[in-house]
N, C-alpha and C. Protein backbone atom coordinates (compact mmCIF):
# COMPACT_ATOMS: atom_id res chain seq x y z
N MET A 1 2.78 -8.33 9.90
CA MET A 1 2.85 -7.73 8.59
C MET A 1 1.54 -6.99 8.31
N ALA A 2 1.64 -5.71 8.01
CA ALA A 2 0.46 -4.90 7.70
C ALA A 2 0.03 -5.16 6.26
N ARG A 3 -1.27 -5.14 6.05
CA ARG A 3 -1.83 -5.31 4.71
C ARG A 3 -2.40 -3.98 4.26
N PHE A 4 -2.11 -3.62 3.01
CA PHE A 4 -2.59 -2.36 2.47
C PHE A 4 -3.10 -2.54 1.04
N VAL A 5 -4.21 -1.87 0.74
CA VAL A 5 -4.65 -1.71 -0.64
C VAL A 5 -3.90 -0.50 -1.18
N VAL A 6 -3.29 -0.66 -2.34
CA VAL A 6 -2.58 0.46 -2.96
C VAL A 6 -3.35 0.93 -4.18
N GLU A 7 -3.37 2.23 -4.37
CA GLU A 7 -4.02 2.79 -5.55
C GLU A 7 -2.96 3.26 -6.54
N SER A 8 -3.40 3.61 -7.71
CA SER A 8 -2.48 3.95 -8.80
C SER A 8 -1.59 5.15 -8.49
N THR A 9 -2.08 6.12 -7.73
CA THR A 9 -1.24 7.28 -7.43
C THR A 9 -0.05 6.90 -6.57
N VAL A 10 -0.22 5.88 -5.75
CA VAL A 10 0.88 5.38 -4.92
C VAL A 10 1.82 4.54 -5.77
N ALA A 11 1.27 3.63 -6.57
CA ALA A 11 2.10 2.76 -7.42
C ALA A 11 2.97 3.58 -8.37
N MET A 12 2.42 4.62 -8.92
CA MET A 12 3.17 5.46 -9.84
C MET A 12 4.36 6.10 -9.14
N LYS A 13 4.20 6.47 -7.88
CA LYS A 13 5.29 7.11 -7.13
C LYS A 13 6.46 6.17 -6.87
N TRP A 14 6.25 4.86 -7.00
CA TRP A 14 7.35 3.92 -6.85
C TRP A 14 8.39 4.11 -7.95
N PHE A 15 7.96 4.63 -9.10
CA PHE A 15 8.82 4.67 -10.28
C PHE A 15 9.01 6.06 -10.87
N VAL A 16 8.24 7.04 -10.42
CA VAL A 16 8.37 8.42 -10.90
C VAL A 16 8.65 9.30 -9.69
N PRO A 17 9.86 9.83 -9.59
CA PRO A 17 10.20 10.66 -8.43
C PRO A 17 9.34 11.93 -8.38
N GLU A 18 8.66 12.10 -7.28
CA GLU A 18 7.87 13.30 -7.02
C GLU A 18 7.54 13.33 -5.54
N ASN A 19 6.75 14.30 -5.10
CA ASN A 19 6.40 14.39 -3.68
C ASN A 19 5.85 13.06 -3.18
N HIS A 20 6.33 12.64 -2.05
CA HIS A 20 5.90 11.43 -1.34
C HIS A 20 6.34 10.13 -1.99
N SER A 21 7.26 10.18 -2.95
CA SER A 21 7.79 8.94 -3.53
C SER A 21 8.53 8.12 -2.48
N SER A 22 9.28 8.76 -1.61
CA SER A 22 10.00 8.01 -0.57
C SER A 22 9.03 7.39 0.43
N ASP A 23 7.91 8.07 0.69
CA ASP A 23 6.87 7.49 1.56
C ASP A 23 6.27 6.25 0.90
N ALA A 24 5.95 6.36 -0.37
CA ALA A 24 5.37 5.23 -1.10
C ALA A 24 6.35 4.06 -1.16
N ALA A 25 7.64 4.36 -1.28
CA ALA A 25 8.66 3.31 -1.37
C ALA A 25 8.71 2.45 -0.11
N ARG A 26 8.31 3.00 1.02
CA ARG A 26 8.30 2.21 2.27
C ARG A 26 7.39 0.99 2.15
N LEU A 27 6.39 1.09 1.29
CA LEU A 27 5.49 -0.05 1.09
C LEU A 27 6.20 -1.23 0.43
N LEU A 28 7.31 -0.97 -0.22
CA LEU A 28 8.04 -2.01 -0.95
C LEU A 28 9.17 -2.64 -0.14
N GLU A 29 9.28 -2.27 1.12
CA GLU A 29 10.39 -2.75 1.94
C GLU A 29 10.19 -4.17 2.46
N GLY A 30 9.11 -4.83 2.08
CA GLY A 30 8.91 -6.22 2.47
C GLY A 30 8.18 -6.44 3.78
N ARG A 31 7.84 -5.38 4.46
CA ARG A 31 7.12 -5.52 5.73
C ARG A 31 5.61 -5.46 5.55
N HIS A 32 5.17 -5.31 4.31
CA HIS A 32 3.76 -5.11 4.05
C HIS A 32 3.26 -6.06 2.97
N GLU A 33 2.03 -6.49 3.12
CA GLU A 33 1.36 -7.25 2.06
C GLU A 33 0.52 -6.24 1.27
N LEU A 34 0.71 -6.22 -0.03
CA LEU A 34 0.04 -5.24 -0.88
C LEU A 34 -1.08 -5.90 -1.68
N LEU A 35 -2.21 -5.20 -1.75
CA LEU A 35 -3.38 -5.66 -2.49
C LEU A 35 -3.84 -4.54 -3.41
N ALA A 36 -4.54 -4.92 -4.48
CA ALA A 36 -5.10 -3.92 -5.38
C ALA A 36 -6.22 -4.57 -6.19
N ASN A 37 -7.08 -3.73 -6.74
CA ASN A 37 -8.06 -4.28 -7.67
C ASN A 37 -7.41 -4.35 -9.05
N ASP A 38 -8.07 -5.02 -9.97
CA ASP A 38 -7.45 -5.29 -11.27
C ASP A 38 -7.35 -4.07 -12.19
N LEU A 39 -7.73 -2.91 -11.70
CA LEU A 39 -7.56 -1.68 -12.48
C LEU A 39 -6.25 -0.97 -12.17
N LEU A 40 -5.45 -1.53 -11.28
CA LEU A 40 -4.20 -0.87 -10.89
C LEU A 40 -3.30 -0.58 -12.09
N LEU A 41 -3.06 -1.56 -12.93
CA LEU A 41 -2.18 -1.36 -14.07
C LEU A 41 -2.77 -0.39 -15.09
N PRO A 42 -4.03 -0.53 -15.50
CA PRO A 42 -4.57 0.46 -16.44
C PRO A 42 -4.58 1.88 -15.87
N GLU A 43 -4.91 2.04 -14.60
CA GLU A 43 -4.95 3.38 -14.02
C GLU A 43 -3.54 3.98 -13.89
N THR A 44 -2.57 3.15 -13.50
CA THR A 44 -1.19 3.63 -13.43
C THR A 44 -0.70 4.00 -14.82
N SER A 45 -1.04 3.18 -15.81
CA SER A 45 -0.66 3.48 -17.19
C SER A 45 -1.29 4.77 -17.68
N ASP A 46 -2.51 5.03 -17.26
CA ASP A 46 -3.17 6.28 -17.64
C ASP A 46 -2.42 7.49 -17.06
N ILE A 47 -2.02 7.39 -15.82
CA ILE A 47 -1.28 8.49 -15.18
C ILE A 47 0.03 8.74 -15.91
N ILE A 48 0.78 7.68 -16.18
CA ILE A 48 2.08 7.89 -16.81
C ILE A 48 1.95 8.33 -18.27
N SER A 49 0.90 7.87 -18.95
CA SER A 49 0.72 8.34 -20.34
C SER A 49 0.39 9.83 -20.37
N ARG A 50 -0.37 10.31 -19.38
CA ARG A 50 -0.63 11.75 -19.30
C ARG A 50 0.67 12.52 -19.04
N LYS A 51 1.56 11.94 -18.22
CA LYS A 51 2.85 12.57 -17.98
C LYS A 51 3.69 12.59 -19.26
N ALA A 52 3.55 11.56 -20.08
CA ALA A 52 4.26 11.54 -21.37
C ALA A 52 3.72 12.64 -22.28
N LEU A 53 2.40 12.80 -22.30
CA LEU A 53 1.81 13.85 -23.13
C LEU A 53 2.24 15.24 -22.70
N LEU A 54 2.55 15.40 -21.43
CA LEU A 54 3.02 16.68 -20.91
C LEU A 54 4.53 16.85 -21.08
N GLY A 55 5.18 15.81 -21.62
CA GLY A 55 6.62 15.88 -21.83
C GLY A 55 7.44 15.53 -20.61
N GLU A 56 6.79 15.01 -19.56
CA GLU A 56 7.50 14.66 -18.34
C GLU A 56 8.14 13.27 -18.42
N LEU A 57 7.63 12.41 -19.28
CA LEU A 57 8.17 11.06 -19.48
C LEU A 57 8.23 10.77 -20.97
N THR A 58 9.14 9.89 -21.35
CA THR A 58 9.19 9.43 -22.73
C THR A 58 8.35 8.15 -22.85
N LEU A 59 8.08 7.74 -24.08
CA LEU A 59 7.38 6.48 -24.29
C LEU A 59 8.20 5.33 -23.73
N LYS A 60 9.52 5.40 -23.88
CA LYS A 60 10.40 4.37 -23.31
C LYS A 60 10.24 4.32 -21.79
N ASP A 61 10.21 5.49 -21.14
CA ASP A 61 9.99 5.54 -19.69
C ASP A 61 8.67 4.85 -19.33
N CYS A 62 7.64 5.15 -20.09
CA CYS A 62 6.31 4.58 -19.82
C CYS A 62 6.34 3.06 -19.90
N ARG A 63 6.97 2.55 -20.94
CA ARG A 63 7.07 1.08 -21.10
C ARG A 63 7.80 0.46 -19.92
N GLU A 64 8.90 1.09 -19.51
CA GLU A 64 9.69 0.57 -18.39
C GLU A 64 8.88 0.59 -17.09
N ILE A 65 8.13 1.65 -16.88
CA ILE A 65 7.32 1.75 -15.66
C ILE A 65 6.21 0.71 -15.66
N VAL A 66 5.55 0.51 -16.79
CA VAL A 66 4.49 -0.51 -16.87
C VAL A 66 5.06 -1.88 -16.54
N THR A 67 6.23 -2.19 -17.08
CA THR A 67 6.88 -3.48 -16.78
C THR A 67 7.23 -3.56 -15.30
N ALA A 68 7.75 -2.49 -14.75
CA ALA A 68 8.15 -2.48 -13.34
C ALA A 68 6.96 -2.64 -12.41
N VAL A 69 5.87 -1.96 -12.72
CA VAL A 69 4.66 -2.08 -11.88
C VAL A 69 4.19 -3.54 -11.84
N GLN A 70 4.28 -4.21 -12.97
CA GLN A 70 3.84 -5.60 -13.04
C GLN A 70 4.74 -6.54 -12.24
N SER A 71 5.95 -6.10 -11.92
CA SER A 71 6.87 -6.96 -11.18
C SER A 71 6.73 -6.81 -9.66
N VAL A 72 5.98 -5.83 -9.20
CA VAL A 72 5.79 -5.62 -7.77
C VAL A 72 4.84 -6.70 -7.23
N PRO A 73 5.19 -7.31 -6.11
CA PRO A 73 4.32 -8.34 -5.55
C PRO A 73 3.04 -7.76 -4.92
N VAL A 74 2.01 -7.67 -5.74
CA VAL A 74 0.72 -7.16 -5.32
C VAL A 74 -0.32 -8.23 -5.61
N SER A 75 -1.13 -8.58 -4.63
CA SER A 75 -2.24 -9.52 -4.85
C SER A 75 -3.37 -8.75 -5.53
N ILE A 76 -3.77 -9.24 -6.69
CA ILE A 76 -4.79 -8.54 -7.49
C ILE A 76 -6.15 -9.21 -7.30
N TYR A 77 -7.16 -8.38 -7.06
CA TYR A 77 -8.53 -8.85 -6.85
C TYR A 77 -9.41 -8.35 -7.99
N PRO A 78 -10.30 -9.19 -8.50
CA PRO A 78 -11.16 -8.78 -9.63
C PRO A 78 -12.17 -7.72 -9.23
N SER A 79 -12.27 -6.68 -10.04
CA SER A 79 -13.21 -5.59 -9.79
C SER A 79 -14.65 -6.09 -9.76
N LYS A 80 -14.96 -7.08 -10.59
CA LYS A 80 -16.34 -7.56 -10.66
C LYS A 80 -16.84 -8.08 -9.31
N ASP A 81 -15.93 -8.58 -8.48
CA ASP A 81 -16.31 -9.06 -7.16
C ASP A 81 -16.48 -7.94 -6.15
N LEU A 82 -16.08 -6.74 -6.51
CA LEU A 82 -16.13 -5.59 -5.60
C LEU A 82 -17.20 -4.59 -5.99
N LEU A 83 -17.82 -4.78 -7.17
CA LEU A 83 -18.71 -3.76 -7.73
C LEU A 83 -19.89 -3.40 -6.84
N GLU A 84 -20.54 -4.38 -6.26
CA GLU A 84 -21.73 -4.07 -5.45
C GLU A 84 -21.37 -3.12 -4.31
N GLY A 85 -20.35 -3.49 -3.54
CA GLY A 85 -19.93 -2.61 -2.44
C GLY A 85 -19.37 -1.29 -2.93
N ALA A 86 -18.66 -1.34 -4.06
CA ALA A 86 -18.07 -0.12 -4.61
C ALA A 86 -19.13 0.88 -5.03
N LEU A 87 -20.20 0.40 -5.64
CA LEU A 87 -21.27 1.30 -6.06
C LEU A 87 -21.92 1.97 -4.85
N GLU A 88 -22.13 1.20 -3.79
CA GLU A 88 -22.71 1.79 -2.57
C GLU A 88 -21.79 2.87 -2.00
N ILE A 89 -20.50 2.59 -1.95
CA ILE A 89 -19.53 3.56 -1.43
C ILE A 89 -19.47 4.79 -2.33
N THR A 90 -19.45 4.56 -3.64
CA THR A 90 -19.36 5.65 -4.61
C THR A 90 -20.51 6.64 -4.43
N VAL A 91 -21.72 6.12 -4.32
CA VAL A 91 -22.89 6.97 -4.17
C VAL A 91 -22.94 7.62 -2.79
N ALA A 92 -22.70 6.83 -1.75
CA ALA A 92 -22.79 7.35 -0.38
C ALA A 92 -21.74 8.42 -0.09
N MET A 93 -20.54 8.25 -0.65
CA MET A 93 -19.44 9.15 -0.32
C MET A 93 -19.14 10.17 -1.43
N ASP A 94 -19.93 10.15 -2.51
CA ASP A 94 -19.72 11.06 -3.64
C ASP A 94 -18.28 10.97 -4.14
N ARG A 95 -17.84 9.74 -4.41
CA ARG A 95 -16.49 9.47 -4.88
C ARG A 95 -16.56 8.85 -6.27
N THR A 96 -15.43 8.66 -6.90
CA THR A 96 -15.38 7.98 -8.19
C THR A 96 -15.55 6.48 -7.99
N LEU A 97 -15.88 5.78 -9.05
CA LEU A 97 -15.98 4.32 -8.96
C LEU A 97 -14.63 3.72 -8.60
N SER A 98 -13.56 4.28 -9.11
CA SER A 98 -12.23 3.80 -8.78
C SER A 98 -11.98 3.87 -7.27
N ASP A 99 -12.34 5.01 -6.66
CA ASP A 99 -12.21 5.14 -5.21
C ASP A 99 -13.09 4.11 -4.51
N GLY A 100 -14.30 3.93 -5.02
CA GLY A 100 -15.21 2.96 -4.43
C GLY A 100 -14.66 1.55 -4.49
N LEU A 101 -14.06 1.18 -5.60
CA LEU A 101 -13.46 -0.15 -5.73
C LEU A 101 -12.32 -0.34 -4.74
N ASN A 102 -11.47 0.66 -4.62
CA ASN A 102 -10.36 0.57 -3.67
C ASN A 102 -10.84 0.48 -2.23
N LEU A 103 -11.81 1.29 -1.89
CA LEU A 103 -12.37 1.24 -0.53
C LEU A 103 -13.11 -0.06 -0.27
N ALA A 104 -13.85 -0.54 -1.26
CA ALA A 104 -14.57 -1.81 -1.10
C ALA A 104 -13.59 -2.94 -0.84
N LEU A 105 -12.45 -2.94 -1.52
CA LEU A 105 -11.44 -3.96 -1.28
C LEU A 105 -10.86 -3.84 0.12
N ALA A 106 -10.59 -2.61 0.56
CA ALA A 106 -10.06 -2.40 1.91
C ALA A 106 -11.06 -2.88 2.96
N VAL A 107 -12.34 -2.59 2.75
CA VAL A 107 -13.37 -3.05 3.69
C VAL A 107 -13.46 -4.57 3.66
N GLN A 108 -13.53 -5.14 2.46
CA GLN A 108 -13.65 -6.60 2.32
C GLN A 108 -12.48 -7.33 2.98
N GLN A 109 -11.28 -6.79 2.84
CA GLN A 109 -10.08 -7.44 3.36
C GLN A 109 -9.69 -6.94 4.76
N ASP A 110 -10.51 -6.08 5.34
CA ASP A 110 -10.29 -5.52 6.67
C ASP A 110 -8.87 -4.95 6.80
N CYS A 111 -8.55 -4.04 5.88
CA CYS A 111 -7.26 -3.38 5.92
C CYS A 111 -7.45 -1.93 5.50
N ARG A 112 -6.37 -1.26 5.16
CA ARG A 112 -6.45 0.16 4.82
C ARG A 112 -5.99 0.42 3.39
N LEU A 113 -6.66 1.37 2.76
CA LEU A 113 -6.28 1.88 1.46
C LEU A 113 -5.23 2.96 1.68
N VAL A 114 -4.07 2.81 1.05
CA VAL A 114 -3.05 3.85 1.12
C VAL A 114 -3.23 4.76 -0.09
N THR A 115 -3.38 6.04 0.19
CA THR A 115 -3.59 7.01 -0.89
C THR A 115 -2.55 8.11 -0.84
N ALA A 116 -2.21 8.62 -2.03
CA ALA A 116 -1.34 9.78 -2.15
C ALA A 116 -2.14 11.01 -2.54
N ARG A 117 -3.47 10.86 -2.46
CA ARG A 117 -4.35 12.00 -2.75
C ARG A 117 -4.91 12.51 -1.43
N LYS A 118 -4.39 13.63 -1.02
CA LYS A 118 -4.81 14.21 0.27
C LYS A 118 -6.31 14.49 0.28
N SER A 119 -6.85 14.89 -0.87
CA SER A 119 -8.29 15.18 -0.93
C SER A 119 -9.12 13.94 -0.62
N LEU A 120 -8.71 12.78 -1.10
CA LEU A 120 -9.43 11.54 -0.79
C LEU A 120 -9.30 11.22 0.69
N HIS A 121 -8.08 11.24 1.18
CA HIS A 121 -7.85 10.95 2.61
C HIS A 121 -8.70 11.87 3.49
N ASP A 122 -8.62 13.16 3.24
CA ASP A 122 -9.31 14.13 4.09
C ASP A 122 -10.83 14.02 3.98
N SER A 123 -11.33 13.71 2.78
CA SER A 123 -12.79 13.61 2.60
C SER A 123 -13.40 12.44 3.35
N LEU A 124 -12.58 11.45 3.70
CA LEU A 124 -13.10 10.26 4.40
C LEU A 124 -12.98 10.36 5.91
N GLN A 125 -12.29 11.39 6.39
CA GLN A 125 -12.16 11.56 7.84
C GLN A 125 -13.53 11.89 8.43
N GLY A 126 -13.84 11.29 9.57
CA GLY A 126 -15.13 11.51 10.21
C GLY A 126 -16.26 10.69 9.59
N THR A 127 -15.93 9.78 8.69
CA THR A 127 -16.92 8.89 8.09
C THR A 127 -16.63 7.46 8.54
N PRO A 128 -17.55 6.54 8.29
CA PRO A 128 -17.26 5.14 8.65
C PRO A 128 -16.05 4.56 7.91
N PHE A 129 -15.61 5.20 6.84
CA PHE A 129 -14.49 4.69 6.06
C PHE A 129 -13.14 5.21 6.53
N SER A 130 -13.13 6.09 7.51
CA SER A 130 -11.86 6.66 7.97
C SER A 130 -10.92 5.58 8.50
N VAL A 131 -11.45 4.50 9.04
CA VAL A 131 -10.60 3.42 9.56
C VAL A 131 -9.99 2.60 8.43
N HIS A 132 -10.45 2.83 7.21
CA HIS A 132 -9.96 2.06 6.06
C HIS A 132 -9.11 2.88 5.10
N VAL A 133 -8.66 4.05 5.52
CA VAL A 133 -7.82 4.88 4.64
C VAL A 133 -6.60 5.36 5.41
N LYS A 134 -5.48 5.42 4.73
CA LYS A 134 -4.22 5.87 5.35
C LYS A 134 -3.49 6.77 4.36
N TRP A 135 -3.01 7.88 4.86
CA TRP A 135 -2.21 8.80 4.05
C TRP A 135 -0.84 8.17 3.82
N VAL A 136 -0.33 8.24 2.60
CA VAL A 136 0.94 7.60 2.26
C VAL A 136 2.08 8.08 3.15
N GLY A 137 2.03 9.30 3.58
CA GLY A 137 3.08 9.84 4.46
C GLY A 137 3.07 9.24 5.84
N ASP A 138 2.01 8.53 6.21
CA ASP A 138 1.92 7.91 7.53
C ASP A 138 2.28 6.43 7.52
N VAL A 139 2.72 5.90 6.40
CA VAL A 139 3.11 4.48 6.32
C VAL A 139 4.45 4.31 7.03
N ARG A 140 4.52 3.34 7.88
CA ARG A 140 5.77 3.04 8.61
C ARG A 140 6.20 1.63 8.36
């Protein structure tokens, strides 16, 4: 069973049809152990609320997605335990703290962060973190 850290862009694709939603759905087929930091729900909620503001989702849709995200079997890790490593990654790789937290968890748990952001995936290629990141389209 493969272990993956999932970020909010991937979790959102489980419930909002868009590019790479079918790729993200493969993570839910039971062959994978999913991990995330404790910001997964707030970050996913932020993404869907922005979609609501753009008229792409209703408030009812948002509530249903928040409930659905909470029902996915994901092991949640506290951000406070990842901060030291996350800050080092954030500064060294010129990434956001959110990216640093996700990468720090992947490093700590010796697994890979699955991302639906091609810019994040591509920016880590050729760095020591390339072994800890996987493009959502490459999940099998």
